[in-house]
PDB file of all heavy atoms in Angstrom:
ATOM      1  N   PRO A   1      15.726  79.694  15.869  1.00  0.00           N
ATOM      2  CA  PRO A   1      17.170  79.539  16.071  1.00  0.00           C
ATOM      3  C   PRO A   1      17.568  78.140  16.519  1.00  0.00           C
ATOM      4  O   PRO A   1      18.621  77.634  16.132  1.00  0.00           O
ATOM      5  CB  PRO A   1      17.485  80.584  17.147  1.00  0.00           C
ATOM      6  CG  PRO A   1      16.406  81.610  16.998  1.00  0.00           C
ATOM      7  CD  PRO A   1      15.183  80.836  16.625  1.00  0.00           C
ATOM      8  N   GLU A   2      16.730  77.508  17.337  1.00  0.00           N
ATOM      9  CA  GLU A   2      17.060  76.164  17.817  1.00  0.00           C
ATOM     10  C   GLU A   2      17.115  75.176  16.660  1.00  0.00           C
ATOM     11  O   GLU A   2      18.027  74.343  16.578  1.00  0.00           O
ATOM     12  CB  GLU A   2      16.044  75.692  18.851  1.00  0.00           C
ATOM     13  CG  GLU A   2      16.369  74.302  19.405  1.00  0.00           C
ATOM     14  CD  GLU A   2      15.348  73.803  20.408  1.00  0.00           C
ATOM     15  OE1 GLU A   2      14.311  74.472  20.584  1.00  0.00           O
ATOM     16  OE2 GLU A   2      15.590  72.735  21.014  1.00  0.00           O
ATOM     17  N   VAL A   3      16.159  75.279  15.749  1.00  0.00           N
ATOM     18  CA  VAL A   3      16.136  74.400  14.576  1.00  0.00           C
ATOM     19  C   VAL A   3      17.355  74.667  13.705  1.00  0.00           C
ATOM     20  O   VAL A   3      17.970  73.738  13.158  1.00  0.00           O
ATOM     21  CB  VAL A   3      14.837  74.601  13.772  1.00  0.00           C
ATOM     22  CG1 VAL A   3      14.910  73.862  12.432  1.00  0.00           C
ATOM     23  CG2 VAL A   3      13.637  74.118  14.568  1.00  0.00           C
ATOM     24  N   THR A   4      17.725  75.936  13.575  1.00  0.00           N
ATOM     25  CA  THR A   4      18.899  76.298  12.769  1.00  0.00           C
ATOM     26  C   THR A   4      20.158  75.662  13.349  1.00  0.00           C
ATOM     27  O   THR A   4      20.999  75.131  12.611  1.00  0.00           O
ATOM     28  CB  THR A   4      19.059  77.822  12.708  1.00  0.00           C
ATOM     29  OG1 THR A   4      17.883  78.401  12.128  1.00  0.00           O
ATOM     30  CG2 THR A   4      20.269  78.200  11.858  1.00  0.00           C
ATOM     31  N   VAL A   5      20.312  75.722  14.672  1.00  0.00           N
ATOM     32  CA  VAL A   5      21.487  75.132  15.325  1.00  0.00           C
ATOM     33  C   VAL A   5      21.527  73.627  15.100  1.00  0.00           C
ATOM     34  O   VAL A   5      22.575  73.062  14.755  1.00  0.00           O
ATOM     35  CB  VAL A   5      21.484  75.442  16.835  1.00  0.00           C
ATOM     36  CG1 VAL A   5      22.561  74.633  17.554  1.00  0.00           C
ATOM     37  CG2 VAL A   5      21.703  76.934  17.071  1.00  0.00           C
ATOM     38  N   ILE A   6      20.386  72.959  15.264  1.00  0.00           N
ATOM     39  CA  ILE A   6      20.325  71.509  15.073  1.00  0.00           C
ATOM     40  C   ILE A   6      20.648  71.146  13.621  1.00  0.00           C
ATOM     41  O   ILE A   6      21.419  70.213  13.344  1.00  0.00           O
ATOM     42  CB  ILE A   6      18.941  70.967  15.460  1.00  0.00           C
ATOM     43  CG1 ILE A   6      18.710  71.132  16.969  1.00  0.00           C
ATOM     44  CG2 ILE A   6      18.796  69.501  15.061  1.00  0.00           C
ATOM     45  CD1 ILE A   6      17.290  70.838  17.412  1.00  0.00           C
ATOM     46  N   ALA A   7      20.079  71.884  12.680  1.00  0.00           N
ATOM     47  CA  ALA A   7      20.310  71.610  11.264  1.00  0.00           C
ATOM     48  C   ALA A   7      21.776  71.825  10.902  1.00  0.00           C
ATOM     49  O   ALA A   7      22.376  71.020  10.171  1.00  0.00           O
ATOM     50  CB  ALA A   7      19.416  72.502  10.412  1.00  0.00           C
ATOM     51  N   ALA A   8      22.370  72.905  11.408  1.00  0.00           N
ATOM     52  CA  ALA A   8      23.776  73.197  11.106  1.00  0.00           C
ATOM     53  C   ALA A   8      24.696  72.138  11.697  1.00  0.00           C
ATOM     54  O   ALA A   8      25.633  71.676  11.040  1.00  0.00           O
ATOM     55  CB  ALA A   8      24.151  74.580  11.627  1.00  0.00           C
ATOM     56  N   ALA A   9      24.432  71.733  12.936  1.00  0.00           N
ATOM     57  CA  ALA A   9      25.248  70.702  13.580  1.00  0.00           C
ATOM     58  C   ALA A   9      25.155  69.391  12.812  1.00  0.00           C
ATOM     59  O   ALA A   9      26.153  68.682  12.629  1.00  0.00           O
ATOM     60  CB  ALA A   9      24.809  70.505  15.027  1.00  0.00           C
ATOM     61  N   GLY A  10      23.946  69.070  12.342  1.00  0.00           N
ATOM     62  CA  GLY A  10      23.774  67.846  11.566  1.00  0.00           C
ATOM     63  C   GLY A  10      24.525  67.896  10.244  1.00  0.00           C
ATOM     64  O   GLY A  10      25.129  66.903   9.815  1.00  0.00           O
ATOM     65  N   ALA A  11      24.513  69.061   9.596  1.00  0.00           N
ATOM     66  CA  ALA A  11      25.234  69.216   8.331  1.00  0.00           C
ATOM     67  C   ALA A  11      26.735  69.077   8.542  1.00  0.00           C
ATOM     68  O   ALA A  11      27.435  68.438   7.744  1.00  0.00           O
ATOM     69  CB  ALA A  11      24.906  70.575   7.709  1.00  0.00           C
ATOM     70  N   ILE A  12      27.244  69.669   9.617  1.00  0.00           N
ATOM     71  CA  ILE A  12      28.679  69.573   9.918  1.00  0.00           C
ATOM     72  C   ILE A  12      29.069  68.120  10.169  1.00  0.00           C
ATOM     73  O   ILE A  12      30.091  67.631   9.673  1.00  0.00           O
ATOM     74  CB  ILE A  12      29.028  70.457  11.129  1.00  0.00           C
ATOM     75  CG1 ILE A  12      28.887  71.938  10.745  1.00  0.00           C
ATOM     76  CG2 ILE A  12      30.450  70.168  11.620  1.00  0.00           C
ATOM     77  CD1 ILE A  12      28.963  72.883  11.923  1.00  0.00           C
ATOM     78  N   ALA A  13      28.244  67.403  10.943  1.00  0.00           N
ATOM     79  CA  ALA A  13      28.538  65.993  11.223  1.00  0.00           C
ATOM     80  C   ALA A  13      28.538  65.172   9.937  1.00  0.00           C
ATOM     81  O   ALA A  13      29.412  64.316   9.730  1.00  0.00           O
ATOM     82  CB  ALA A  13      27.512  65.432  12.211  1.00  0.00           C
ATOM     83  N   ALA A  14      27.586  65.432   9.048  1.00  0.00           N
ATOM     84  CA  ALA A  14      27.489  64.670   7.794  1.00  0.00           C
ATOM     85  C   ALA A  14      28.706  64.920   6.908  1.00  0.00           C
ATOM     86  O   ALA A  14      29.264  63.985   6.328  1.00  0.00           O
ATOM     87  CB  ALA A  14      26.207  65.052   7.052  1.00  0.00           C
ATOM     88  N   ILE A  15      29.138  66.179   6.816  1.00  0.00           N
ATOM     89  CA  ILE A  15      30.300  66.491   5.990  1.00  0.00           C
ATOM     90  C   ILE A  15      31.566  65.904   6.592  1.00  0.00           C
ATOM     91  O   ILE A  15      32.453  65.409   5.881  1.00  0.00           O
ATOM     92  CB  ILE A  15      30.431  68.011   5.800  1.00  0.00           C
ATOM     93  CG1 ILE A  15      29.294  68.537   4.933  1.00  0.00           C
ATOM     94  CG2 ILE A  15      31.777  68.370   5.177  1.00  0.00           C
ATOM     95  CD1 ILE A  15      29.283  67.975   3.513  1.00  0.00           C
ATOM     96  N   ARG A  16      31.686  65.914   7.902  1.00  0.00           N
ATOM     97  CA  ARG A  16      32.855  65.310   8.550  1.00  0.00           C
ATOM     98  C   ARG A  16      32.946  63.829   8.213  1.00  0.00           C
ATOM     99  O   ARG A  16      34.028  63.297   7.960  1.00  0.00           O
ATOM    100  CB  ARG A  16      32.784  65.515  10.067  1.00  0.00           C
ATOM    101  CG  ARG A  16      33.181  66.912  10.514  1.00  0.00           C
ATOM    102  CD  ARG A  16      32.885  67.094  11.992  1.00  0.00           C
ATOM    103  NE  ARG A  16      33.416  68.356  12.493  1.00  0.00           N
ATOM    104  CZ  ARG A  16      33.136  68.849  13.685  1.00  0.00           C
ATOM    105  NH1 ARG A  16      32.316  68.199  14.503  1.00  0.00           N
ATOM    106  NH2 ARG A  16      33.655  69.993  14.083  1.00  0.00           N
ATOM    107  N   ARG A  17      31.807  63.151   8.214  1.00  0.00           N
ATOM    108  CA  ARG A  17      31.822  61.729   7.865  1.00  0.00           C
ATOM    109  C   ARG A  17      32.237  61.544   6.412  1.00  0.00           C
ATOM    110  O   ARG A  17      33.017  60.654   6.083  1.00  0.00           O
ATOM    111  CB  ARG A  17      30.440  61.114   8.121  1.00  0.00           C
ATOM    112  CG  ARG A  17      30.135  60.869   9.590  1.00  0.00           C
ATOM    113  CD  ARG A  17      28.898  60.006   9.754  1.00  0.00           C
ATOM    114  NE  ARG A  17      27.692  60.710   9.358  1.00  0.00           N
ATOM    115  CZ  ARG A  17      26.953  61.456  10.172  1.00  0.00           C
ATOM    116  NH1 ARG A  17      27.322  61.610  11.437  1.00  0.00           N
ATOM    117  NH2 ARG A  17      25.863  62.057   9.740  1.00  0.00           N
ATOM    118  N   ALA A  18      31.704  62.391   5.534  1.00  0.00           N
ATOM    119  CA  ALA A  18      32.023  62.278   4.109  1.00  0.00           C
ATOM    120  C   ALA A  18      33.490  62.587   3.838  1.00  0.00           C
ATOM    121  O   ALA A  18      34.084  62.040   2.906  1.00  0.00           O
ATOM    122  CB  ALA A  18      31.132  63.226   3.302  1.00  0.00           C
ATOM    123  N   MET A  19      34.096  63.458   4.644  1.00  0.00           N
ATOM    124  CA  MET A  19      35.495  63.834   4.450  1.00  0.00           C
ATOM    125  C   MET A  19      36.462  62.691   4.723  1.00  0.00           C
ATOM    126  O   MET A  19      37.586  62.693   4.223  1.00  0.00           O
ATOM    127  CB  MET A  19      35.869  64.984   5.400  1.00  0.00           C
ATOM    128  CG  MET A  19      35.365  66.343   5.008  1.00  0.00           C
ATOM    129  SD  MET A  19      35.901  67.539   6.274  1.00  0.00           S
ATOM    130  CE  MET A  19      35.140  69.024   5.644  1.00  0.00           C
ATOM    131  N   ALA A  20      36.041  61.733   5.515  1.00  0.00           N
ATOM    132  CA  ALA A  20      36.960  60.705   6.013  1.00  0.00           C
ATOM    133  C   ALA A  20      37.732  60.008   4.906  1.00  0.00           C
ATOM    134  O   ALA A  20      38.899  59.665   5.082  1.00  0.00           O
ATOM    135  CB  ALA A  20      36.194  59.676   6.847  1.00  0.00           C
ATOM    136  N   GLU A  21      37.111  59.798   3.757  1.00  0.00           N
ATOM    137  CA  GLU A  21      37.750  59.052   2.673  1.00  0.00           C
ATOM    138  C   GLU A  21      38.273  59.950   1.555  1.00  0.00           C
ATOM    139  O   GLU A  21      38.627  59.466   0.491  1.00  0.00           O
ATOM    140  CB  GLU A  21      36.756  58.032   2.096  1.00  0.00           C
ATOM    141  CG  GLU A  21      36.196  57.051   3.122  1.00  0.00           C
ATOM    142  CD  GLU A  21      37.277  56.269   3.855  1.00  0.00           C
ATOM    143  OE1 GLU A  21      38.300  55.939   3.221  1.00  0.00           O
ATOM    144  OE2 GLU A  21      37.098  56.003   5.054  1.00  0.00           O
ATOM    145  N   ARG A  22      38.288  61.259   1.773  1.00  0.00           N
ATOM    146  CA  ARG A  22      38.741  62.186   0.744  1.00  0.00           C
ATOM    147  C   ARG A  22      40.178  62.640   1.002  1.00  0.00           C
ATOM    148  O   ARG A  22      40.666  62.580   2.121  1.00  0.00           O
ATOM    149  CB  ARG A  22      37.826  63.419   0.689  1.00  0.00           C
ATOM    150  CG  ARG A  22      36.339  63.106   0.593  1.00  0.00           C
ATOM    151  CD  ARG A  22      35.956  62.361  -0.677  1.00  0.00           C
ATOM    152  NE  ARG A  22      34.533  62.056  -0.727  1.00  0.00           N
ATOM    153  CZ  ARG A  22      33.629  62.836  -1.303  1.00  0.00           C
ATOM    154  NH1 ARG A  22      34.001  63.958  -1.901  1.00  0.00           N
ATOM    155  NH2 ARG A  22      32.354  62.486  -1.312  1.00  0.00           N
ATOM    156  N   ASP A  23      40.825  63.138  -0.044  1.00  0.00           N
ATOM    157  CA  ASP A  23      42.182  63.642   0.130  1.00  0.00           C
ATOM    158  C   ASP A  23      42.131  65.034   0.753  1.00  0.00           C
ATOM    159  O   ASP A  23      41.075  65.678   0.776  1.00  0.00           O
ATOM    160  CB  ASP A  23      42.941  63.655  -1.201  1.00  0.00           C
ATOM    161  CG  ASP A  23      42.320  64.589  -2.228  1.00  0.00           C
ATOM    162  OD1 ASP A  23      42.080  65.776  -1.924  1.00  0.00           O
ATOM    163  OD2 ASP A  23      42.053  64.133  -3.350  1.00  0.00           O
ATOM    164  N   PRO A  24      43.252  65.530   1.296  1.00  0.00           N
ATOM    165  CA  PRO A  24      43.254  66.816   2.013  1.00  0.00           C
ATOM    166  C   PRO A  24      42.707  67.987   1.204  1.00  0.00           C
ATOM    167  O   PRO A  24      41.979  68.828   1.739  1.00  0.00           O
ATOM    168  CB  PRO A  24      44.732  67.021   2.353  1.00  0.00           C
ATOM    169  CG  PRO A  24      45.267  65.633   2.492  1.00  0.00           C
ATOM    170  CD  PRO A  24      44.561  64.847   1.416  1.00  0.00           C
ATOM    171  N   ALA A  25      43.036  68.066  -0.087  1.00  0.00           N
ATOM    172  CA  ALA A  25      42.548  69.177  -0.906  1.00  0.00           C
ATOM    173  C   ALA A  25      41.027  69.137  -1.030  1.00  0.00           C
ATOM    174  O   ALA A  25      40.352  70.179  -0.963  1.00  0.00           O
ATOM    175  CB  ALA A  25      43.192  69.128  -2.295  1.00  0.00           C
ATOM    176  N   GLU A  26      40.480  67.947  -1.194  1.00  0.00           N
ATOM    177  CA  GLU A  26      39.032  67.806  -1.298  1.00  0.00           C
ATOM    178  C   GLU A  26      38.359  68.090   0.038  1.00  0.00           C
ATOM    179  O   GLU A  26      37.274  68.679   0.095  1.00  0.00           O
ATOM    180  CB  GLU A  26      38.683  66.396  -1.783  1.00  0.00           C
ATOM    181  CG  GLU A  26      37.198  66.130  -1.978  1.00  0.00           C
ATOM    182  CD  GLU A  26      36.567  66.950  -3.110  1.00  0.00           C
ATOM    183  OE1 GLU A  26      37.295  67.679  -3.806  1.00  0.00           O
ATOM    184  OE2 GLU A  26      35.339  66.861  -3.275  1.00  0.00           O
ATOM    185  N   GLN A  27      38.985  67.692   1.138  1.00  0.00           N
ATOM    186  CA  GLN A  27      38.446  68.003   2.458  1.00  0.00           C
ATOM    187  C   GLN A  27      38.346  69.510   2.656  1.00  0.00           C
ATOM    188  O   GLN A  27      37.342  70.020   3.168  1.00  0.00           O
ATOM    189  CB  GLN A  27      39.331  67.387   3.543  1.00  0.00           C
ATOM    190  CG  GLN A  27      39.251  65.879   3.622  1.00  0.00           C
ATOM    191  CD  GLN A  27      40.187  65.312   4.673  1.00  0.00           C
ATOM    192  OE1 GLN A  27      40.816  66.034   5.427  1.00  0.00           O
ATOM    193  NE2 GLN A  27      40.290  63.991   4.720  1.00  0.00           N
ATOM    194  N   ALA A  28      39.392  70.241   2.253  1.00  0.00           N
ATOM    195  CA  ALA A  28      39.390  71.701   2.390  1.00  0.00           C
ATOM    196  C   ALA A  28      38.286  72.317   1.530  1.00  0.00           C
ATOM    197  O   ALA A  28      37.579  73.236   1.962  1.00  0.00           O
ATOM    198  CB  ALA A  28      40.751  72.268   2.001  1.00  0.00           C
ATOM    199  N   ARG A  29      38.133  71.813   0.311  1.00  0.00           N
ATOM    200  CA  ARG A  29      37.096  72.341  -0.580  1.00  0.00           C
ATOM    201  C   ARG A  29      35.711  72.116   0.009  1.00  0.00           C
ATOM    202  O   ARG A  29      34.856  73.021   0.000  1.00  0.00           O
ATOM    203  CB  ARG A  29      37.190  71.671  -1.954  1.00  0.00           C
ATOM    204  CG  ARG A  29      36.219  72.265  -2.988  1.00  0.00           C
ATOM    205  CD  ARG A  29      36.009  71.330  -4.163  1.00  0.00           C
ATOM    206  NE  ARG A  29      35.314  70.099  -3.788  1.00  0.00           N
ATOM    207  CZ  ARG A  29      33.996  70.029  -3.574  1.00  0.00           C
ATOM    208  NH1 ARG A  29      33.242  71.114  -3.661  1.00  0.00           N
ATOM    209  NH2 ARG A  29      33.445  68.878  -3.243  1.00  0.00           N
ATOM    210  N   MET A  30      35.481  70.911   0.546  1.00  0.00           N
ATOM    211  CA  MET A  30      34.173  70.599   1.120  1.00  0.00           C
ATOM    212  C   MET A  30      33.887  71.464   2.340  1.00  0.00           C
ATOM    213  O   MET A  30      32.759  71.937   2.538  1.00  0.00           O
ATOM    214  CB  MET A  30      34.116  69.112   1.493  1.00  0.00           C
ATOM    215  CG  MET A  30      34.131  68.183   0.290  1.00  0.00           C
ATOM    216  SD  MET A  30      34.250  66.433   0.768  1.00  0.00           S
ATOM    217  CE  MET A  30      32.615  66.173   1.460  1.00  0.00           C
TER     218      MET A  30
END
């Protein structure tokens, strides 16, 4: 479970960074 939490948090952080330059519709899709 600890590895799962770390992996999920890392994925969320990566997607948040990628969203920064996308339009709102694409952010919602991602």
